[in-house]
Amino acid sequence: MLTQAGMVAILWDVDTLDWRGTAADELTRGAVDLPRPGSIVLQHDTQPNTARTAAAVYAGLADRGFVLVNIAQLFHGQLPAAGAWRSGPLAKG
């Protein structure tokens, strides 16, 4: 339906479940261990444990070799014109 309407939906492939009040250690572990190249990790800035664990999550991802990017960068500057996406194209090079 999105394709027919010429719309795009950017979703996620890693859900931290932070909205459930997930414990900080579990939240950090999932946000660091589950992503793969091209992943989109869902975190809500309104959740207290998300704010408390952000620095540890970002450091853990960096330790795994990830570079945090925005959506435009994830799609190499070529945003999809339509459809639903749960991850970006795999990193090249």
PDB file of N, CA and C in Angstrom:
ATOM      1  N   MET A   1       0.813  -1.186   0.000  1.00  0.00           N
ATOM      2  CA  MET A   1       0.000   0.000   0.000  1.00  0.00           C
ATOM      3  C   MET A   1       0.864   1.260   0.000  1.00  0.00           C
ATOM      4  N   LEU A   2       1.953   1.270   0.755  1.00  0.00           N
ATOM      5  CA  LEU A   2       2.838   2.430   0.763  1.00  0.00           C
ATOM      6  C   LEU A   2       3.440   2.677  -0.612  1.00  0.00           C
ATOM      7  N   THR A   3       3.856   1.595  -1.266  1.00  0.00           N
ATOM      8  CA  THR A   3       4.437   1.732  -2.593  1.00  0.00           C
ATOM      9  C   THR A   3       3.434   2.351  -3.554  1.00  0.00           C
ATOM     10  N   GLN A   4       2.200   1.877  -3.511  1.00  0.00           N
ATOM     11  CA  GLN A   4       1.159   2.411  -4.393  1.00  0.00           C
ATOM     12  C   GLN A   4       0.897   3.883  -4.109  1.00  0.00           C
ATOM     13  N   ALA A   5       1.008   4.282  -2.859  1.00  0.00           N
ATOM     14  CA  ALA A   5       0.764   5.673  -2.480  1.00  0.00           C
ATOM     15  C   ALA A   5       2.007   6.546  -2.689  1.00  0.00           C
ATOM     16  N   GLY A   6       3.144   5.920  -3.042  1.00  0.00           N
ATOM     17  CA  GLY A   6       4.377   6.671  -3.228  1.00  0.00           C
ATOM     18  C   GLY A   6       4.935   7.214  -1.924  1.00  0.00           C
ATOM     19  N   MET A   7       4.726   6.467  -0.843  1.00  0.00           N
ATOM     20  CA  MET A   7       5.189   6.896   0.476  1.00  0.00           C
ATOM     21  C   MET A   7       6.225   5.903   1.001  1.00  0.00           C
ATOM     22  N   VAL A   8       7.010   6.361   1.944  1.00  0.00           N
ATOM     23  CA  VAL A   8       8.013   5.512   2.564  1.00  0.00           C
ATOM     24  C   VAL A   8       7.775   5.478   4.072  1.00  0.00           C
ATOM     25  N   ALA A   9       8.028   4.336   4.673  1.00  0.00           N
ATOM     26  CA  ALA A   9       7.984   4.189   6.132  1.00  0.00           C
ATOM     27  C   ALA A   9       9.334   3.639   6.571  1.00  0.00           C
ATOM     28  N   ILE A  10       9.975   4.344   7.467  1.00  0.00           N
ATOM     29  CA  ILE A  10      11.239   3.877   8.032  1.00  0.00           C
ATOM     30  C   ILE A  10      10.913   3.283   9.393  1.00  0.00           C
ATOM     31  N   LEU A  11      11.099   1.991   9.527  1.00  0.00           N
ATOM     32  CA  LEU A  11      10.768   1.280  10.760  1.00  0.00           C
ATOM     33  C   LEU A  11      12.072   0.902  11.469  1.00  0.00           C
ATOM     34  N   TRP A  12      12.146  -0.247  12.072  1.00  0.00           N
ATOM     35  CA  TRP A  12      13.325  -0.669  12.819  1.00  0.00           C
ATOM     36  C   TRP A  12      13.399  -2.179  12.776  1.00  0.00           C
ATOM     37  N   ASP A  13      14.601  -2.691  13.002  1.00  0.00           N
ATOM     38  CA  ASP A  13      14.774  -4.139  13.091  1.00  0.00           C
ATOM     39  C   ASP A  13      15.263  -4.561  14.469  1.00  0.00           C
ATOM     40  N   VAL A  14      15.607  -3.600  15.320  1.00  0.00           N
ATOM     41  CA  VAL A  14      15.982  -3.890  16.709  1.00  0.00           C
ATOM     42  C   VAL A  14      15.100  -3.029  17.609  1.00  0.00           C
ATOM     43  N   ASP A  15      14.261  -3.691  18.386  1.00  0.00           N
ATOM     44  CA  ASP A  15      13.378  -2.996  19.330  1.00  0.00           C
ATOM     45  C   ASP A  15      13.917  -3.215  20.732  1.00  0.00           C
ATOM     46  N   THR A  16      14.333  -2.152  21.381  1.00  0.00           N
ATOM     47  CA  THR A  16      14.899  -2.272  22.729  1.00  0.00           C
ATOM     48  C   THR A  16      13.835  -2.533  23.789  1.00  0.00           C
ATOM     49  N   LEU A  17      12.573  -2.369  23.435  1.00  0.00           N
ATOM     50  CA  LEU A  17      11.458  -2.555  24.372  1.00  0.00           C
ATOM     51  C   LEU A  17      11.586  -1.638  25.587  1.00  0.00           C
ATOM     52  N   ASP A  18      12.239  -0.506  25.386  1.00  0.00           N
ATOM     53  CA  ASP A  18      12.446   0.428  26.485  1.00  0.00           C
ATOM     54  C   ASP A  18      11.131   0.956  27.063  1.00  0.00           C
ATOM     55  N   TRP A  19      10.091   0.990  26.256  1.00  0.00           N
ATOM     56  CA  TRP A  19       8.782   1.473  26.716  1.00  0.00           C
ATOM     57  C   TRP A  19       8.180   0.569  27.780  1.00  0.00           C
ATOM     58  N   ARG A  20       8.699  -0.649  27.904  1.00  0.00           N
ATOM     59  CA  ARG A  20       8.221  -1.577  28.938  1.00  0.00           C
ATOM     60  C   ARG A  20       8.871  -1.324  30.291  1.00  0.00           C
ATOM     61  N   GLY A  21       9.794  -0.371  30.341  1.00  0.00           N
ATOM     62  CA  GLY A  21      10.529  -0.136  31.580  1.00  0.00           C
ATOM     63  C   GLY A  21      11.648  -1.144  31.750  1.00  0.00           C
ATOM     64  N   THR A  22      12.180  -1.614  30.654  1.00  0.00           N
ATOM     65  CA  THR A  22      13.255  -2.602  30.663  1.00  0.00           C
ATOM     66  C   THR A  22      14.406  -2.128  31.550  1.00  0.00           C
ATOM     67  N   ALA A  23      14.952  -3.048  32.328  1.00  0.00           N
ATOM     68  CA  ALA A  23      16.073  -2.727  33.212  1.00  0.00           C
ATOM     69  C   ALA A  23      17.244  -2.202  32.395  1.00  0.00           C
ATOM     70  N   ALA A  24      18.019  -1.299  33.001  1.00  0.00           N
ATOM     71  CA  ALA A  24      19.113  -0.623  32.299  1.00  0.00           C
ATOM     72  C   ALA A  24      20.120  -1.604  31.711  1.00  0.00           C
ATOM     73  N   ASP A  25      20.521  -2.635  32.452  1.00  0.00           N
ATOM     74  CA  ASP A  25      21.523  -3.575  31.939  1.00  0.00           C
ATOM     75  C   ASP A  25      20.985  -4.380  30.764  1.00  0.00           C
ATOM     76  N   GLU A  26      19.723  -4.772  30.835  1.00  0.00           N
ATOM     77  CA  GLU A  26      19.102  -5.523  29.746  1.00  0.00           C
ATOM     78  C   GLU A  26      18.922  -4.630  28.510  1.00  0.00           C
ATOM     79  N   LEU A  27      18.525  -3.403  28.730  1.00  0.00           N
ATOM     80  CA  LEU A  27      18.359  -2.445  27.651  1.00  0.00           C
ATOM     81  C   LEU A  27      19.687  -2.218  26.925  1.00  0.00           C
ATOM     82  N   THR A  28      20.736  -2.003  27.686  1.00  0.00           N
ATOM     83  CA  THR A  28      22.061  -1.786  27.109  1.00  0.00           C
ATOM     84  C   THR A  28      22.517  -3.017  26.339  1.00  0.00           C
ATOM     85  N   ARG A  29      22.381  -4.173  26.925  1.00  0.00           N
ATOM     86  CA  ARG A  29      22.818  -5.419  26.294  1.00  0.00           C
ATOM     87  C   ARG A  29      22.121  -5.631  24.951  1.00  0.00           C
ATOM     88  N   GLY A  30      20.805  -5.462  24.914  1.00  0.00           N
ATOM     89  CA  GLY A  30      20.070  -5.658  23.667  1.00  0.00           C
ATOM     90  C   GLY A  30      20.421  -4.641  22.604  1.00  0.00           C
ATOM     91  N   ALA A  31      20.561  -3.385  23.012  1.00  0.00           N
ATOM     92  CA  ALA A  31      20.861  -2.320  22.054  1.00  0.00           C
ATOM     93  C   ALA A  31      22.275  -2.437  21.494  1.00  0.00           C
ATOM     94  N   VAL A  32      23.161  -3.090  22.231  1.00  0.00           N
ATOM     95  CA  VAL A  32      24.545  -3.250  21.776  1.00  0.00           C
ATOM     96  C   VAL A  32      24.737  -4.575  21.045  1.00  0.00           C
ATOM     97  N   ASP A  33      24.145  -5.651  21.546  1.00  0.00           N
ATOM     98  CA  ASP A  33      24.409  -6.984  21.000  1.00  0.00           C
ATOM     99  C   ASP A  33      23.594  -7.340  19.763  1.00  0.00           C
ATOM    100  N   LEU A  34      22.392  -6.801  19.611  1.00  0.00           N
ATOM    101  CA  LEU A  34      21.504  -7.233  18.531  1.00  0.00           C
ATOM    102  C   LEU A  34      21.718  -6.570  17.169  1.00  0.00           C
ATOM    103  N   PRO A  35      22.167  -5.333  17.089  1.00  0.00           N
ATOM    104  CA  PRO A  35      22.324  -4.710  15.771  1.00  0.00           C
ATOM    105  C   PRO A  35      23.335  -5.429  14.887  1.00  0.00           C
ATOM    106  N   ARG A  36      23.074  -5.332  13.578  1.00  0.00           N
ATOM    107  CA  ARG A  36      23.976  -5.826  12.551  1.00  0.00           C
ATOM    108  C   ARG A  36      24.147  -4.678  11.552  1.00  0.00           C
ATOM    109  N   PRO A  37      25.087  -4.765  10.623  1.00  0.00           N
ATOM    110  CA  PRO A  37      25.254  -3.662   9.677  1.00  0.00           C
ATOM    111  C   PRO A  37      23.929  -3.297   9.000  1.00  0.00           C
ATOM    112  N   GLY A  38      23.595  -2.020   9.036  1.00  0.00           N
ATOM    113  CA  GLY A  38      22.358  -1.524   8.443  1.00  0.00           C
ATOM    114  C   GLY A  38      21.185  -1.478   9.394  1.00  0.00           C
ATOM    115  N   SER A  39      21.345  -1.945  10.631  1.00  0.00           N
ATOM    116  CA  SER A  39      20.238  -1.977  11.586  1.00  0.00           C
ATOM    117  C   SER A  39      19.729  -0.587  11.940  1.00  0.00           C
ATOM    118  N   ILE A  40      18.448  -0.549  12.246  1.00  0.00           N
ATOM    119  CA  ILE A  40      17.813   0.631  12.808  1.00  0.00           C
ATOM    120  C   ILE A  40      17.324   0.220  14.186  1.00  0.00           C
ATOM    121  N   VAL A  41      17.846   0.870  15.213  1.00  0.00           N
ATOM    122  CA  VAL A  41      17.542   0.531  16.606  1.00  0.00           C
ATOM    123  C   VAL A  41      16.505   1.511  17.131  1.00  0.00           C
ATOM    124  N   LEU A  42      15.401   0.981  17.654  1.00  0.00           N
ATOM    125  CA  LEU A  42      14.336   1.815  18.198  1.00  0.00           C
ATOM    126  C   LEU A  42      14.590   2.083  19.679  1.00  0.00           C
ATOM    127  N   GLN A  43      14.716   3.376  20.015  1.00  0.00           N
ATOM    128  CA  GLN A  43      14.816   3.828  21.391  1.00  0.00           C
ATOM    129  C   GLN A  43      13.947   5.070  21.522  1.00  0.00           C
ATOM    130  N   HIS A  44      13.332   5.232  22.669  1.00  0.00           N
ATOM    131  CA  HIS A  44      12.440   6.367  22.908  1.00  0.00           C
ATOM    132  C   HIS A  44      13.123   7.337  23.869  1.00  0.00           C
ATOM    133  N   ASP A  45      13.271   8.575  23.443  1.00  0.00           N
ATOM    134  CA  ASP A  45      13.959   9.551  24.286  1.00  0.00           C
ATOM    135  C   ASP A  45      13.139   9.950  25.508  1.00  0.00           C
ATOM    136  N   THR A  46      11.907   9.505  25.585  1.00  0.00           N
ATOM    137  CA  THR A  46      11.066   9.814  26.745  1.00  0.00           C
ATOM    138  C   THR A  46      11.200   8.788  27.867  1.00  0.00           C
ATOM    139  N   GLN A  47      11.958   7.727  27.631  1.00  0.00           N
ATOM    140  CA  GLN A  47      12.104   6.679  28.642  1.00  0.00           C
ATOM    141  C   GLN A  47      13.352   6.919  29.495  1.00  0.00           C
ATOM    142  N   PRO A  48      13.181   6.939  30.812  1.00  0.00           N
ATOM    143  CA  PRO A  48      14.318   7.248  31.696  1.00  0.00           C
ATOM    144  C   PRO A  48      15.533   6.348  31.509  1.00  0.00           C
ATOM    145  N   ASN A  49      15.330   5.031  31.386  1.00  0.00           N
ATOM    146  CA  ASN A  49      16.483   4.142  31.235  1.00  0.00           C
ATOM    147  C   ASN A  49      17.177   4.320  29.892  1.00  0.00           C
ATOM    148  N   THR A  50      16.446   4.750  28.888  1.00  0.00           N
ATOM    149  CA  THR A  50      17.072   5.015  27.596  1.00  0.00           C
ATOM    150  C   THR A  50      18.040   6.183  27.723  1.00  0.00           C
ATOM    151  N   ALA A  51      17.602   7.224  28.385  1.00  0.00           N
ATOM    152  CA  ALA A  51      18.480   8.384  28.595  1.00  0.00           C
ATOM    153  C   ALA A  51      19.688   7.996  29.451  1.00  0.00           C
ATOM    154  N   ARG A  52      19.470   7.203  30.500  1.00  0.00           N
ATOM    155  CA  ARG A  52      20.558   6.809  31.400  1.00  0.00           C
ATOM    156  C   ARG A  52      21.586   5.915  30.715  1.00  0.00           C
ATOM    157  N   THR A  53      21.139   5.096  29.749  1.00  0.00           N
ATOM    158  CA  THR A  53      22.043   4.117  29.137  1.00  0.00           C
ATOM    159  C   THR A  53      22.591   4.555  27.788  1.00  0.00           C
ATOM    160  N   ALA A  54      22.172   5.712  27.297  1.00  0.00           N
ATOM    161  CA  ALA A  54      22.564   6.138  25.943  1.00  0.00           C
ATOM    162  C   ALA A  54      24.076   6.118  25.743  1.00  0.00           C
ATOM    163  N   ALA A  55      24.824   6.708  26.646  1.00  0.00           N
ATOM    164  CA  ALA A  55      26.285   6.771  26.475  1.00  0.00           C
ATOM    165  C   ALA A  55      26.899   5.370  26.426  1.00  0.00           C
ATOM    166  N   ALA A  56      26.427   4.463  27.289  1.00  0.00           N
ATOM    167  CA  ALA A  56      26.958   3.094  27.297  1.00  0.00           C
ATOM    168  C   ALA A  56      26.587   2.354  26.013  1.00  0.00           C
ATOM    169  N   VAL A  57      25.370   2.587  25.509  1.00  0.00           N
ATOM    170  CA  VAL A  57      24.938   1.953  24.257  1.00  0.00           C
ATOM    171  C   VAL A  57      25.808   2.441  23.111  1.00  0.00           C
ATOM    172  N   TYR A  58      25.995   3.751  23.003  1.00  0.00           N
ATOM    173  CA  TYR A  58      26.784   4.294  21.901  1.00  0.00           C
ATOM    174  C   TYR A  58      28.229   3.828  21.983  1.00  0.00           C
ATOM    175  N   ALA A  59      28.784   3.785  23.176  1.00  0.00           N
ATOM    176  CA  ALA A  59      30.161   3.302  23.341  1.00  0.00           C
ATOM    177  C   ALA A  59      30.265   1.826  22.985  1.00  0.00           C
ATOM    178  N   GLY A  60      29.284   1.036  23.406  1.00  0.00           N
ATOM    179  CA  GLY A  60      29.282  -0.397  23.090  1.00  0.00           C
ATOM    180  C   GLY A  60      29.175  -0.656  21.596  1.00  0.00           C
ATOM    181  N   LEU A  61      28.344   0.125  20.919  1.00  0.00           N
ATOM    182  CA  LEU A  61      28.238  -0.014  19.465  1.00  0.00           C
ATOM    183  C   LEU A  61      29.540   0.393  18.783  1.00  0.00           C
ATOM    184  N   ALA A  62      30.149   1.463  19.262  1.00  0.00           N
ATOM    185  CA  ALA A  62      31.434   1.890  18.701  1.00  0.00           C
ATOM    186  C   ALA A  62      32.493   0.811  18.912  1.00  0.00           C
ATOM    187  N   ASP A  63      32.492   0.175  20.083  1.00  0.00           N
ATOM    188  CA  ASP A  63      33.434  -0.905  20.369  1.00  0.00           C
ATOM    189  C   ASP A  63      33.246  -2.082  19.405  1.00  0.00           C
ATOM    190  N   ARG A  64      32.007  -2.255  18.927  1.00  0.00           N
ATOM    191  CA  ARG A  64      31.724  -3.323  17.953  1.00  0.00           C
ATOM    192  C   ARG A  64      32.037  -2.879  16.526  1.00  0.00           C
ATOM    193  N   GLY A  65      32.487  -1.640  16.355  1.00  0.00           N
ATOM    194  CA  GLY A  65      32.862  -1.152  15.035  1.00  0.00           C
ATOM    195  C   GLY A  65      31.773  -0.403  14.300  1.00  0.00           C
ATOM    196  N   PHE A  66      30.664  -0.125  14.984  1.00  0.00           N
ATOM    197  CA  PHE A  66      29.573   0.605  14.347  1.00  0.00           C
ATOM    198  C   PHE A  66      29.844   2.102  14.372  1.00  0.00           C
ATOM    199  N   VAL A  67      29.308   2.784  13.375  1.00  0.00           N
ATOM    200  CA  VAL A  67      29.310   4.239  13.308  1.00  0.00           C
ATOM    201  C   VAL A  67      27.851   4.654  13.284  1.00  0.00           C
ATOM    202  N   LEU A  68      27.450   5.529  14.199  1.00  0.00           N
ATOM    203  CA  LEU A  68      26.059   5.970  14.247  1.00  0.00           C
ATOM    204  C   LEU A  68      25.815   6.985  13.139  1.00  0.00           C
ATOM    205  N   VAL A  69      24.701   6.803  12.429  1.00  0.00           N
ATOM    206  CA  VAL A  69      24.364   7.681  11.312  1.00  0.00           C
ATOM    207  C   VAL A  69      22.892   8.038  11.372  1.00  0.00           C
ATOM    208  N   ASN A  70      22.515   9.069  10.625  1.00  0.00           N
ATOM    209  CA  ASN A  70      21.098   9.391  10.506  1.00  0.00           C
ATOM    210  C   ASN A  70      20.508   8.616   9.333  1.00  0.00           C
ATOM    211  N   ILE A  71      19.216   8.743   9.112  1.00  0.00           N
ATOM    212  CA  ILE A  71      18.543   7.953   8.078  1.00  0.00           C
ATOM    213  C   ILE A  71      19.106   8.249   6.689  1.00  0.00           C
ATOM    214  N   ALA A  72      19.334   9.516   6.376  1.00  0.00           N
ATOM    215  CA  ALA A  72      19.876   9.853   5.055  1.00  0.00           C
ATOM    216  C   ALA A  72      21.238   9.185   4.845  1.00  0.00           C
ATOM    217  N   GLN A  73      22.087   9.202   5.862  1.00  0.00           N
ATOM    218  CA  GLN A  73      23.396   8.571   5.746  1.00  0.00           C
ATOM    219  C   GLN A  73      23.263   7.055   5.631  1.00  0.00           C
ATOM    220  N   LEU A  74      22.322   6.460   6.353  1.00  0.00           N
ATOM    221  CA  LEU A  74      22.117   5.017   6.314  1.00  0.00           C
ATOM    222  C   LEU A  74      21.808   4.537   4.901  1.00  0.00           C
ATOM    223  N   PHE A  75      21.077   5.359   4.164  1.00  0.00           N
ATOM    224  CA  PHE A  75      20.708   5.024   2.791  1.00  0.00           C
ATOM    225  C   PHE A  75      21.634   5.692   1.771  1.00  0.00           C
ATOM    226  N   HIS A  76      22.838   6.042   2.204  1.00  0.00           N
ATOM    227  CA  HIS A  76      23.863   6.613   1.322  1.00  0.00           C
ATOM    228  C   HIS A  76      23.346   7.821   0.547  1.00  0.00           C
ATOM    229  N   GLY A  77      22.508   8.628   1.183  1.00  0.00           N
ATOM    230  CA  GLY A  77      22.005   9.849   0.571  1.00  0.00           C
ATOM    231  C   GLY A  77      20.872   9.636  -0.418  1.00  0.00           C
ATOM    232  N   GLN A  78      20.483   8.400  -0.647  1.00  0.00           N
ATOM    233  CA  GLN A  78      19.418   8.080  -1.599  1.00  0.00           C
ATOM    234  C   GLN A  78      18.251   7.458  -0.847  1.00  0.00           C
ATOM    235  N   LEU A  79      17.426   8.301  -0.245  1.00  0.00           N
ATOM    236  CA  LEU A  79      16.295   7.776   0.505  1.00  0.00           C
ATOM    237  C   LEU A  79      15.358   7.014  -0.409  1.00  0.00           C
ATOM    238  N   PRO A  80      14.802   5.905   0.068  1.00  0.00           N
ATOM    239  CA  PRO A  80      13.849   5.172  -0.759  1.00  0.00           C
ATOM    240  C   PRO A  80      12.640   6.050  -1.068  1.00  0.00           C
ATOM    241  N   ALA A  81      12.080   5.893  -2.246  1.00  0.00           N
ATOM    242  CA  ALA A  81      10.934   6.702  -2.656  1.00  0.00           C
ATOM    243  C   ALA A  81       9.632   6.166  -2.094  1.00  0.00           C
ATOM    244  N   ALA A  82       9.579   4.876  -1.820  1.00  0.00           N
ATOM    245  CA  ALA A  82       8.331   4.271  -1.346  1.00  0.00           C
ATOM    246  C   ALA A  82       8.640   2.951  -0.656  1.00  0.00           C
ATOM    247  N   GLY A  83       7.637   2.405   0.015  1.00  0.00           N
ATOM    248  CA  GLY A  83       7.762   1.116   0.680  1.00  0.00           C
ATOM    249  C   GLY A  83       8.112   1.252   2.143  1.00  0.00           C
ATOM    250  N   ALA A  84       8.282   0.110   2.789  1.00  0.00           N
ATOM    251  CA  ALA A  84       8.616   0.067   4.214  1.00  0.00           C
ATOM    252  C   ALA A  84       9.998  -0.541   4.375  1.00  0.00           C
ATOM    253  N   TRP A  85      10.809   0.074   5.211  1.00  0.00           N
ATOM    254  CA  TRP A  85      12.185  -0.362   5.425  1.00  0.00           C
ATOM    255  C   TRP A  85      12.420  -0.605   6.900  1.00  0.00           C
ATOM    256  N   ARG A  86      13.023  -1.732   7.231  1.00  0.00           N
ATOM    257  CA  ARG A  86      13.365  -2.062   8.610  1.00  0.00           C
ATOM    258  C   ARG A  86      14.870  -1.976   8.848  1.00  0.00           C
ATOM    259  N   SER A  87      15.624  -1.805   7.792  1.00  0.00           N
ATOM    260  CA  SER A  87      17.071  -1.609   7.913  1.00  0.00           C
ATOM    261  C   SER A  87      17.546  -0.961   6.629  1.00  0.00           C
ATOM    262  N   GLY A  88      18.751  -0.428   6.701  1.00  0.00           N
ATOM    263  CA  GLY A  88      19.329   0.191   5.517  1.00  0.00           C
ATOM    264  C   GLY A  88      20.150  -0.834   4.758  1.00  0.00           C
ATOM    265  N   PRO A  89      20.659  -0.418   3.596  1.00  0.00           N
ATOM    266  CA  PRO A  89      21.522  -1.324   2.836  1.00  0.00           C
ATOM    267  C   PRO A  89      22.768  -1.655   3.664  1.00  0.00           C
ATOM    268  N   LEU A  90      23.290  -2.831   3.473  1.00  0.00           N
ATOM    269  CA  LEU A  90      24.486  -3.218   4.223  1.00  0.00           C
ATOM    270  C   LEU A  90      25.625  -2.285   3.905  1.00  0.00           C
ATOM    271  N   ALA A  91      26.440  -2.054   4.905  1.00  0.00           N
ATOM    272  CA  ALA A  91      27.593  -1.157   4.728  1.00  0.00           C
ATOM    273  C   ALA A  91      28.487  -1.677   3.617  1.00  0.00           C
ATOM    274  N   LYS A  92      28.977  -0.774   2.814  1.00  0.00           N
ATOM    275  CA  LYS A  92      29.858  -1.135   1.701  1.00  0.00           C
ATOM    276  C   LYS A  92      31.287  -0.837   2.058  1.00  0.00           C
ATOM    277  N   GLY A  93      32.163  -1.670   1.513  1.00  0.00           N
ATOM    278  CA  GLY A  93      33.574  -1.384   1.618  1.00  0.00           C
ATOM    279  C   GLY A  93      34.184  -1.946   2.818  1.00  0.00           C
TER     280      GLY A  93
END
